[in-house]
């Protein structure tokens, strides 16, 4: 009887459902149609990017925006600002698509004037501002000469530019804050260009040499907090060998522990916790490099990095002689354990007839990528920094008379750059083509996610970078302490001049 009741109940339910379906057939069809049609409001909400800028929709009437860009030495220009055509290169193509999209959206034109020499670029910039010819709407130059723009009233404070929000993720807020002086912000940086990604200090190591010597994996040392300055030098000393037996370590024939070039030593210095200057609560840079703890570190760094029995500066040798050898040639020949370099060494490609300009991605070497070492195990964190003299600086000249549209343009370029150009460089180039293992990818993520800025290095007050990168690296007879003591008054005069101008 219980089974019969259950069967009858099921029949009754089926009858009721069938009746409901019959009575509401039209409504059911409407509901199904609704499921197949996209709700415009909900679809828009799902597709909306929370990071997208909230900008006015304007017709700029064909306005021409012109950027001045500069290179650094043999480094690249900011060619991604106004991509002219498809080339097959992911970065070039992303830049081209960004330009076309923005031009069509706002009815404007984006152009670029490139000056390879950074000093000449700044001279052009100053001349244009003084002549009030409005030749440039914005510029991307380098930190090398940036401070010279602060003593002539050439620039506009970004806080006075409408439609620019430096708190958005496509702007480099850490850099923006670090470059602030007395509350004024004349310098910016972000995903508007890939240039900032090419200036980060990275270290490569030869995996085969690590294995051959039975060393601990540098990856493991980084993760355990034991990747220190002393550990790097201990391993480097053990590796170095006079392979040709002539009793002299030569760059052409022997096995080296460390390979670096001139200014790369700033990466070692900053990674060890030494900063040339910091900004005080009033927004004024103050020198810290002459503190006793920093001087102790610097004396060791310059003494040991210049020890040509195992460590070689491939740009300069003892006595300041120029070798002409490229950054990575010894490393490329499997004759070096550690290569201290920067991220632009990844992407550079050999020019015709120049054998010394290969990039890491072209090498037939089994290598890994790690951050520069910290000073000792007591130092809490690794401190990735950038090559300040190469780092790009976005500025707006005081002669710009259309800040409203300029702000829209910069904001959109940075936003679109974050979506397409930065991933093309970071994912496709750094992490896929170059990093040959998951651990290197993990290290790259850490390095780029924890960058700090040394105010003294970034502003290059009084030519600081040259003193640390070349003067003290090549003139072996010159005392580090006396050089700093003699140089600080020169650097300080440069700061005082800037403070007086801004004040």
Foldseek 3Di string as FASTA:
>chain_A
DVVVVVVVVVVVVVVVVVVVCVVCVVVVVVVVVVVVDDDVVVVCVVPDDPLAFDADQEAPQAAEAEEEWEADDPGDIQCLLDQDDDDPQQQSVLSPVLQVVVCVRHVYHYYYDYDHYLVVSVVVLVVCLVVLVPPHQKYKGALQCVLVCLQPQWFDFVVPFPQADCVRQQWDVQVQVQQFAQNGGFWTDGLLTCQQQFFWKKKKFFPVLCVVVVHDDVLVCQVVLNQAPVVLLVQLLVFWDPVVPPPDDDLPGTAAAEEAAQLLLVQLLVQQVAFQWGADPSRAIDGDCLPPVNLVVVQVSLVRCLPSSHHDHQQAHAQGDGNPAAQCPCVLVVRYGMRTDTNNLQPFPDDVPRPRNHHQLPGPTDMAMAGRHYHGSVPDHGEIEGQQRRRIIMTGTPSNPCSSVVSVVSSSSSVSSVVRNNCSCLVVRVPPSRHPDPSRNVRVCVNVVRYHYRSCRNNCQLVVSCCRRRVSNHHVVDRPNVSCVVCVVSSVVSSVSSVVSVD
